[in-house]
Amino acid sequence: MGRFKPQKQRRDRQQTPAGQRFRMDDRAVSQTEILAAGEQLSNNVDDHGRLLYMDSPSLELGQVATGTDPDTGTVQTTDGEDPMPVALFEPERAMMSRIPGGTPTEIQVEGAIASGMRRFPRGIADLRAIPGWALHRLADDRIELRSPDGGVYSRITVPASPDRYSTALHHGYVVCSYGPQLGVRTPSGSTLEQYTDAKRLEEFRTARGRGLVAGGIIAYRNNR
């Protein structure tokens, strides 16, 4: 199963000049071309990814809150607890959409949110356990993010990380983020050494500020 299904074409839209509605890679395309591109994205679930901890310098997410002190309002965390692991899922291509006068959105991110994940903004983020979603570690060490219908929403290949897998088993959950700009891929024209944690963090925070990140605390399933 793919991430989303393109909407059926409406006859009254087929005659609309392409340059007024759809663009792909900075060129005007027809509705047929944009729907075909959307279907291709839907069927391709192999993405780029990383497996980190919440306190990684390229994320700086701190710790998951366990509650709030009723007297002071201070957010409480469990001191000494192993940090929650984080899985980043970054699709190969973004598919942006914008209603005239509205804010640009990314269709794959919106699909994840429509299926239960939550938008992951800057500042205070209401990340919570997402019913129905699951993160599966496969026998070949690939990781699959599966939506409530059982379909694979995204699949990544990451270096083996026994400590993070052990922590995921301990918690039973992994914080998952999905979006086109999570600081995963090294940008064109840059080297791995040049793409520092600070630059990855900047990209991650910028994407969150633009509403281009879906997130949630997802149940972990070890299939090895």
C-alpha atoms as a PDB file:
ATOM      1  CA  MET A   1       0.000   0.000   0.000  1.00  0.00           C
ATOM      2  CA  GLY A   2       1.215   3.502  -0.751  1.00  0.00           C
ATOM      3  CA  ARG A   3       1.035   6.702   1.248  1.00  0.00           C
ATOM      4  CA  PHE A   4      -2.000   8.189  -0.388  1.00  0.00           C
ATOM      5  CA  LYS A   5      -4.233   7.728  -3.402  1.00  0.00           C
ATOM      6  CA  PRO A   6      -4.553  10.518  -5.965  1.00  0.00           C
ATOM      7  CA  GLN A   7      -8.015  11.953  -6.322  1.00  0.00           C
ATOM      8  CA  LYS A   8     -10.013  11.061  -9.386  1.00  0.00           C
ATOM      9  CA  GLN A   9      -9.893  13.604 -12.157  1.00  0.00           C
ATOM     10  CA  ARG A  10     -12.822  15.948 -12.492  1.00  0.00           C
ATOM     11  CA  ARG A  11     -13.923  16.824 -15.997  1.00  0.00           C
ATOM     12  CA  ASP A  12     -14.281  20.519 -15.207  1.00  0.00           C
ATOM     13  CA  ARG A  13     -10.615  20.681 -14.233  1.00  0.00           C
ATOM     14  CA  GLN A  14      -9.115  18.915 -17.208  1.00  0.00           C
ATOM     15  CA  GLN A  15      -9.406  22.005 -19.415  1.00  0.00           C
ATOM     16  CA  THR A  16      -7.584  24.317 -16.999  1.00  0.00           C
ATOM     17  CA  PRO A  17      -4.300  25.580 -18.508  1.00  0.00           C
ATOM     18  CA  ALA A  18      -1.407  23.730 -16.878  1.00  0.00           C
ATOM     19  CA  GLY A  19       0.590  26.862 -16.134  1.00  0.00           C
ATOM     20  CA  GLN A  20      -2.182  28.197 -13.937  1.00  0.00           C
ATOM     21  CA  ARG A  21      -2.455  25.185 -11.640  1.00  0.00           C
ATOM     22  CA  PHE A  22       0.420  22.691 -11.518  1.00  0.00           C
ATOM     23  CA  ARG A  23       4.191  22.941 -11.496  1.00  0.00           C
ATOM     24  CA  MET A  24       6.804  20.246 -10.997  1.00  0.00           C
ATOM     25  CA  ASP A  25      10.560  20.863 -10.803  1.00  0.00           C
ATOM     26  CA  ASP A  26       9.909  24.505 -11.768  1.00  0.00           C
ATOM     27  CA  ARG A  27       8.043  23.649 -14.941  1.00  0.00           C
ATOM     28  CA  ALA A  28       4.362  23.728 -15.800  1.00  0.00           C
ATOM     29  CA  VAL A  29       2.705  20.316 -16.101  1.00  0.00           C
ATOM     30  CA  SER A  30      -0.757  18.971 -16.798  1.00  0.00           C
ATOM     31  CA  GLN A  31      -3.068  17.482 -14.205  1.00  0.00           C
ATOM     32  CA  THR A  32      -2.374  14.051 -15.698  1.00  0.00           C
ATOM     33  CA  GLU A  33       1.362  14.472 -15.104  1.00  0.00           C
ATOM     34  CA  ILE A  34       0.922  15.700 -11.542  1.00  0.00           C
ATOM     35  CA  LEU A  35      -1.399  12.798 -10.703  1.00  0.00           C
ATOM     36  CA  ALA A  36       1.074  10.326 -12.187  1.00  0.00           C
ATOM     37  CA  ALA A  37       3.866  11.858 -10.101  1.00  0.00           C
ATOM     38  CA  GLY A  38       1.684  11.605  -7.001  1.00  0.00           C
ATOM     39  CA  GLU A  39       0.972   7.949  -7.668  1.00  0.00           C
ATOM     40  CA  GLN A  40       4.663   7.260  -8.127  1.00  0.00           C
ATOM     41  CA  LEU A  41       5.433   8.903  -4.795  1.00  0.00           C
ATOM     42  CA  SER A  42       2.645   6.925  -3.168  1.00  0.00           C
ATOM     43  CA  ASN A  43       4.045   3.618  -4.368  1.00  0.00           C
ATOM     44  CA  ASN A  44       7.666   4.381  -3.463  1.00  0.00           C
ATOM     45  CA  VAL A  45       8.047   4.014   0.294  1.00  0.00           C
ATOM     46  CA  ASP A  46      11.837   3.574   0.442  1.00  0.00           C
ATOM     47  CA  ASP A  47      13.128   6.810   1.939  1.00  0.00           C
ATOM     48  CA  HIS A  48      16.167   8.314   3.667  1.00  0.00           C
ATOM     49  CA  GLY A  49      16.457   8.075   7.434  1.00  0.00           C
ATOM     50  CA  ARG A  50      18.415   8.232  10.648  1.00  0.00           C
ATOM     51  CA  LEU A  51      18.047   6.612  14.066  1.00  0.00           C
ATOM     52  CA  LEU A  52      19.103   8.923  16.901  1.00  0.00           C
ATOM     53  CA  TYR A  53      18.267   9.895  20.479  1.00  0.00           C
ATOM     54  CA  MET A  54      16.087  12.830  21.497  1.00  0.00           C
ATOM     55  CA  ASP A  55      19.065  14.688  22.945  1.00  0.00           C
ATOM     56  CA  SER A  56      21.117  14.373  19.747  1.00  0.00           C
ATOM     57  CA  PRO A  57      22.754  17.730  18.865  1.00  0.00           C
ATOM     58  CA  SER A  58      21.055  17.636  15.448  1.00  0.00           C
ATOM     59  CA  LEU A  59      17.629  17.425  17.154  1.00  0.00           C
ATOM     60  CA  GLU A  60      17.924  18.924  20.653  1.00  0.00           C
ATOM     61  CA  LEU A  61      14.528  17.570  21.679  1.00  0.00           C
ATOM     62  CA  GLY A  62      15.452  17.033  25.319  1.00  0.00           C
ATOM     63  CA  GLN A  63      13.305  14.468  27.095  1.00  0.00           C
ATOM     64  CA  VAL A  64       9.717  13.316  26.937  1.00  0.00           C
ATOM     65  CA  ALA A  65       7.703  15.017  29.672  1.00  0.00           C
ATOM     66  CA  THR A  66       6.159  12.711  32.253  1.00  0.00           C
ATOM     67  CA  GLY A  67       3.894  15.326  33.797  1.00  0.00           C
ATOM     68  CA  THR A  68       3.571  18.847  35.173  1.00  0.00           C
ATOM     69  CA  ASP A  69       4.018  19.978  38.759  1.00  0.00           C
ATOM     70  CA  PRO A  70       0.546  21.285  39.755  1.00  0.00           C
ATOM     71  CA  ASP A  71       2.003  23.890  42.128  1.00  0.00           C
ATOM     72  CA  THR A  72       4.757  25.396  39.960  1.00  0.00           C
ATOM     73  CA  GLY A  73       3.694  24.392  36.450  1.00  0.00           C
ATOM     74  CA  THR A  74       7.188  22.999  35.876  1.00  0.00           C
ATOM     75  CA  VAL A  75       7.402  20.279  33.274  1.00  0.00           C
ATOM     76  CA  GLN A  76       8.627  17.040  34.842  1.00  0.00           C
ATOM     77  CA  THR A  77      10.903  14.408  33.302  1.00  0.00           C
ATOM     78  CA  THR A  78      12.354  11.186  34.633  1.00  0.00           C
ATOM     79  CA  ASP A  79      15.948  11.936  35.618  1.00  0.00           C
ATOM     80  CA  GLY A  80      18.388   9.188  34.688  1.00  0.00           C
ATOM     81  CA  GLU A  81      15.972   7.523  32.284  1.00  0.00           C
ATOM     82  CA  ASP A  82      17.465   6.418  28.975  1.00  0.00           C
ATOM     83  CA  PRO A  83      16.629   9.023  26.310  1.00  0.00           C
ATOM     84  CA  MET A  84      13.888   8.061  23.891  1.00  0.00           C
ATOM     85  CA  PRO A  85      15.160   6.961  20.466  1.00  0.00           C
ATOM     86  CA  VAL A  86      14.063   8.962  17.427  1.00  0.00           C
ATOM     87  CA  ALA A  87      13.541   7.650  13.890  1.00  0.00           C
ATOM     88  CA  LEU A  88      13.628  10.209  11.074  1.00  0.00           C
ATOM     89  CA  PHE A  89      11.864   9.431   7.791  1.00  0.00           C
ATOM     90  CA  GLU A  90      12.730  11.808   4.954  1.00  0.00           C
ATOM     91  CA  PRO A  91      11.056  11.117   1.574  1.00  0.00           C
ATOM     92  CA  GLU A  92      13.090  11.250  -1.621  1.00  0.00           C
ATOM     93  CA  ARG A  93      10.950  14.035  -3.055  1.00  0.00           C
ATOM     94  CA  ALA A  94       8.585  16.628  -1.659  1.00  0.00           C
ATOM     95  CA  MET A  95       5.188  17.266  -3.233  1.00  0.00           C
ATOM     96  CA  MET A  96       4.068  20.744  -2.276  1.00  0.00           C
ATOM     97  CA  SER A  97       0.541  22.072  -2.563  1.00  0.00           C
ATOM     98  CA  ARG A  98      -0.918  25.508  -1.933  1.00  0.00           C
ATOM     99  CA  ILE A  99      -4.454  26.793  -2.082  1.00  0.00           C
ATOM    100  CA  PRO A 100      -4.471  30.378  -3.449  1.00  0.00           C
ATOM    101  CA  GLY A 101      -3.875  32.673  -0.507  1.00  0.00           C
ATOM    102  CA  GLY A 102      -2.994  29.754   1.765  1.00  0.00           C
ATOM    103  CA  THR A 103       0.189  28.351   3.289  1.00  0.00           C
ATOM    104  CA  PRO A 104       2.207  25.757   1.326  1.00  0.00           C
ATOM    105  CA  THR A 105       1.818  22.200   2.602  1.00  0.00           C
ATOM    106  CA  GLU A 106       3.496  18.912   1.730  1.00  0.00           C
ATOM    107  CA  ILE A 107       1.050  16.237   0.572  1.00  0.00           C
ATOM    108  CA  GLN A 108       2.858  13.241   2.093  1.00  0.00           C
ATOM    109  CA  VAL A 109       3.127  14.979   5.470  1.00  0.00           C
ATOM    110  CA  GLU A 110      -0.548  15.915   5.304  1.00  0.00           C
ATOM    111  CA  GLY A 111      -1.386  12.293   4.509  1.00  0.00           C
ATOM    112  CA  ALA A 112       0.413  11.137   7.669  1.00  0.00           C
ATOM    113  CA  ILE A 113      -1.442  13.745   9.730  1.00  0.00           C
ATOM    114  CA  ALA A 114      -4.772  12.763   8.193  1.00  0.00           C
ATOM    115  CA  SER A 115      -4.032   9.177   9.279  1.00  0.00           C
ATOM    116  CA  GLY A 116      -3.482  10.148  12.913  1.00  0.00           C
ATOM    117  CA  MET A 117       0.020  11.557  13.321  1.00  0.00           C
ATOM    118  CA  ARG A 118       0.324  15.106  14.640  1.00  0.00           C
ATOM    119  CA  ARG A 119       1.960  18.191  13.212  1.00  0.00           C
ATOM    120  CA  PHE A 120       5.319  18.778  14.920  1.00  0.00           C
ATOM    121  CA  PRO A 121       5.786  22.575  15.187  1.00  0.00           C
ATOM    122  CA  ARG A 122       8.519  24.673  16.782  1.00  0.00           C
ATOM    123  CA  GLY A 123       8.200  25.496  20.452  1.00  0.00           C
ATOM    124  CA  ILE A 124       5.993  23.361  22.666  1.00  0.00           C
ATOM    125  CA  ALA A 125       4.956  20.294  20.677  1.00  0.00           C
ATOM    126  CA  ASP A 126       2.116  18.011  21.712  1.00  0.00           C
ATOM    127  CA  LEU A 127       3.735  14.732  20.750  1.00  0.00           C
ATOM    128  CA  ARG A 128       1.753  11.793  22.021  1.00  0.00           C
ATOM    129  CA  ALA A 129       1.306   8.064  21.422  1.00  0.00           C
ATOM    130  CA  ILE A 130      -0.443   7.568  18.080  1.00  0.00           C
ATOM    131  CA  PRO A 131      -2.929   4.663  18.095  1.00  0.00           C
ATOM    132  CA  GLY A 132      -2.692   2.243  15.206  1.00  0.00           C
ATOM    133  CA  TRP A 133       0.733   3.335  13.929  1.00  0.00           C
ATOM    134  CA  ALA A 134       3.723   1.033  14.502  1.00  0.00           C
ATOM    135  CA  LEU A 135       7.459   1.041  13.882  1.00  0.00           C
ATOM    136  CA  HIS A 136       8.747  -2.359  12.758  1.00  0.00           C
ATOM    137  CA  ARG A 137      12.372  -3.446  12.790  1.00  0.00           C
ATOM    138  CA  LEU A 138      12.677  -6.062  10.037  1.00  0.00           C
ATOM    139  CA  ALA A 139      14.929  -9.113   9.956  1.00  0.00           C
ATOM    140  CA  ASP A 140      17.293  -7.315   7.557  1.00  0.00           C
ATOM    141  CA  ASP A 141      17.544  -4.306   9.939  1.00  0.00           C
ATOM    142  CA  ARG A 142      15.426  -2.026   7.764  1.00  0.00           C
ATOM    143  CA  ILE A 143      12.802  -0.022   9.651  1.00  0.00           C
ATOM    144  CA  GLU A 144       9.210   0.380   8.493  1.00  0.00           C
ATOM    145  CA  LEU A 145       6.752   3.031   9.617  1.00  0.00           C
ATOM    146  CA  ARG A 146       3.310   1.455   9.223  1.00  0.00           C
ATOM    147  CA  SER A 147       0.009   3.320   9.228  1.00  0.00           C
ATOM    148  CA  PRO A 148      -3.188   2.119  10.955  1.00  0.00           C
ATOM    149  CA  ASP A 149      -4.382   0.314   7.798  1.00  0.00           C
ATOM    150  CA  GLY A 150      -1.285  -1.897   7.954  1.00  0.00           C
ATOM    151  CA  GLY A 151       0.347  -0.280   4.929  1.00  0.00           C
ATOM    152  CA  VAL A 152       4.001   0.752   4.856  1.00  0.00           C
ATOM    153  CA  TYR A 153       4.125   4.557   4.927  1.00  0.00           C
ATOM    154  CA  SER A 154       7.903   4.777   4.863  1.00  0.00           C
ATOM    155  CA  ARG A 155      10.855   2.393   4.963  1.00  0.00           C
ATOM    156  CA  ILE A 156      14.454   3.303   5.784  1.00  0.00           C
ATOM    157  CA  THR A 157      17.805   1.544   5.936  1.00  0.00           C
ATOM    158  CA  VAL A 158      20.057   2.677   8.776  1.00  0.00           C
ATOM    159  CA  PRO A 159      23.322   1.387  10.250  1.00  0.00           C
ATOM    160  CA  ALA A 160      22.845  -1.275  12.909  1.00  0.00           C
ATOM    161  CA  SER A 161      22.497   0.338  16.323  1.00  0.00           C
ATOM    162  CA  PRO A 162      22.083  -2.289  19.087  1.00  0.00           C
ATOM    163  CA  ASP A 163      21.991   0.324  21.866  1.00  0.00           C
ATOM    164  CA  ARG A 164      19.138   2.257  20.259  1.00  0.00           C
ATOM    165  CA  TYR A 165      17.185  -0.922  19.509  1.00  0.00           C
ATOM    166  CA  SER A 166      17.662  -2.022  23.118  1.00  0.00           C
ATOM    167  CA  THR A 167      16.387   1.355  24.330  1.00  0.00           C
ATOM    168  CA  ALA A 168      13.407   1.112  21.986  1.00  0.00           C
ATOM    169  CA  LEU A 169      12.550  -2.278  23.488  1.00  0.00           C
ATOM    170  CA  HIS A 170      12.916  -0.811  26.984  1.00  0.00           C
ATOM    171  CA  HIS A 171      10.518   2.047  26.302  1.00  0.00           C
ATOM    172  CA  GLY A 172       8.282   0.138  23.906  1.00  0.00           C
ATOM    173  CA  TYR A 173       8.027   3.289  21.787  1.00  0.00           C
ATOM    174  CA  VAL A 174      10.098   5.422  19.420  1.00  0.00           C
ATOM    175  CA  VAL A 175       9.586   9.109  18.589  1.00  0.00           C
ATOM    176  CA  CYS A 176       9.046   9.255  14.821  1.00  0.00           C
ATOM    177  CA  SER A 177       9.284  12.287  12.546  1.00  0.00           C
ATOM    178  CA  TYR A 178       8.264  12.324   8.901  1.00  0.00           C
ATOM    179  CA  GLY A 179       8.953  15.141   6.448  1.00  0.00           C
ATOM    180  CA  PRO A 180      11.062  16.310   3.502  1.00  0.00           C
ATOM    181  CA  GLN A 181      13.578  18.410   5.466  1.00  0.00           C
ATOM    182  CA  LEU A 182      14.671  16.664   8.646  1.00  0.00           C
ATOM    183  CA  GLY A 183      18.420  17.115   8.308  1.00  0.00           C
ATOM    184  CA  VAL A 184      18.969  13.601   6.981  1.00  0.00           C
ATOM    185  CA  ARG A 185      20.386  13.914   3.462  1.00  0.00           C
ATOM    186  CA  THR A 186      23.556  15.845   2.749  1.00  0.00           C
ATOM    187  CA  PRO A 187      22.537  18.824   0.560  1.00  0.00           C
ATOM    188  CA  SER A 188      23.771  19.074  -3.018  1.00  0.00           C
ATOM    189  CA  GLY A 189      27.098  20.869  -3.181  1.00  0.00           C
ATOM    190  CA  SER A 190      27.964  20.036   0.440  1.00  0.00           C
ATOM    191  CA  THR A 191      30.082  17.262   1.927  1.00  0.00           C
ATOM    192  CA  LEU A 192      29.225  15.082   4.889  1.00  0.00           C
ATOM    193  CA  GLU A 193      31.844  16.927   6.931  1.00  0.00           C
ATOM    194  CA  GLN A 194      30.373  20.317   5.978  1.00  0.00           C
ATOM    195  CA  TYR A 195      26.843  19.251   6.887  1.00  0.00           C
ATOM    196  CA  THR A 196      27.368  19.621  10.610  1.00  0.00           C
ATOM    197  CA  ASP A 197      24.960  18.859  13.425  1.00  0.00           C
ATOM    198  CA  ALA A 198      24.280  22.596  13.719  1.00  0.00           C
ATOM    199  CA  LYS A 199      23.204  22.772  10.078  1.00  0.00           C
ATOM    200  CA  ARG A 200      21.070  19.638  10.409  1.00  0.00           C
ATOM    201  CA  LEU A 201      19.409  21.168  13.463  1.00  0.00           C
ATOM    202  CA  GLU A 202      18.722  24.401  11.581  1.00  0.00           C
ATOM    203  CA  GLU A 203      17.035  22.512   8.733  1.00  0.00           C
ATOM    204  CA  PHE A 204      14.965  20.421  11.154  1.00  0.00           C
ATOM    205  CA  ARG A 205      13.793  23.477  13.073  1.00  0.00           C
ATOM    206  CA  THR A 206      13.024  25.421   9.886  1.00  0.00           C
ATOM    207  CA  ALA A 207      10.862  22.593   8.556  1.00  0.00           C
ATOM    208  CA  ARG A 208       8.991  22.380  11.851  1.00  0.00           C
ATOM    209  CA  GLY A 209       8.410  26.121  11.766  1.00  0.00           C
ATOM    210  CA  ARG A 210       6.906  25.791   8.277  1.00  0.00           C
ATOM    211  CA  GLY A 211       4.561  23.009   9.356  1.00  0.00           C
ATOM    212  CA  LEU A 212       6.326  20.431   7.189  1.00  0.00           C
ATOM    213  CA  VAL A 213       6.919  17.760   9.845  1.00  0.00           C
ATOM    214  CA  ALA A 214       4.553  15.093  11.150  1.00  0.00           C
ATOM    215  CA  GLY A 215       5.454  13.398  14.413  1.00  0.00           C
ATOM    216  CA  GLY A 216       4.331  11.058  17.115  1.00  0.00           C
ATOM    217  CA  ILE A 217       5.340   8.503  19.717  1.00  0.00           C
ATOM    218  CA  ILE A 218       4.974   5.199  17.882  1.00  0.00           C
ATOM    219  CA  ALA A 219       4.802   1.663  19.276  1.00  0.00           C
ATOM    220  CA  TYR A 220       7.938  -0.356  18.517  1.00  0.00           C
ATOM    221  CA  ARG A 221       7.792  -3.904  17.119  1.00  0.00           C
ATOM    222  CA  ASN A 222      10.924  -6.053  16.887  1.00  0.00           C
ATOM    223  CA  ASN A 223      10.498  -8.574  14.054  1.00  0.00           C
ATOM    224  CA  ARG A 224      13.914 -10.180  14.338  1.00  0.00           C
END
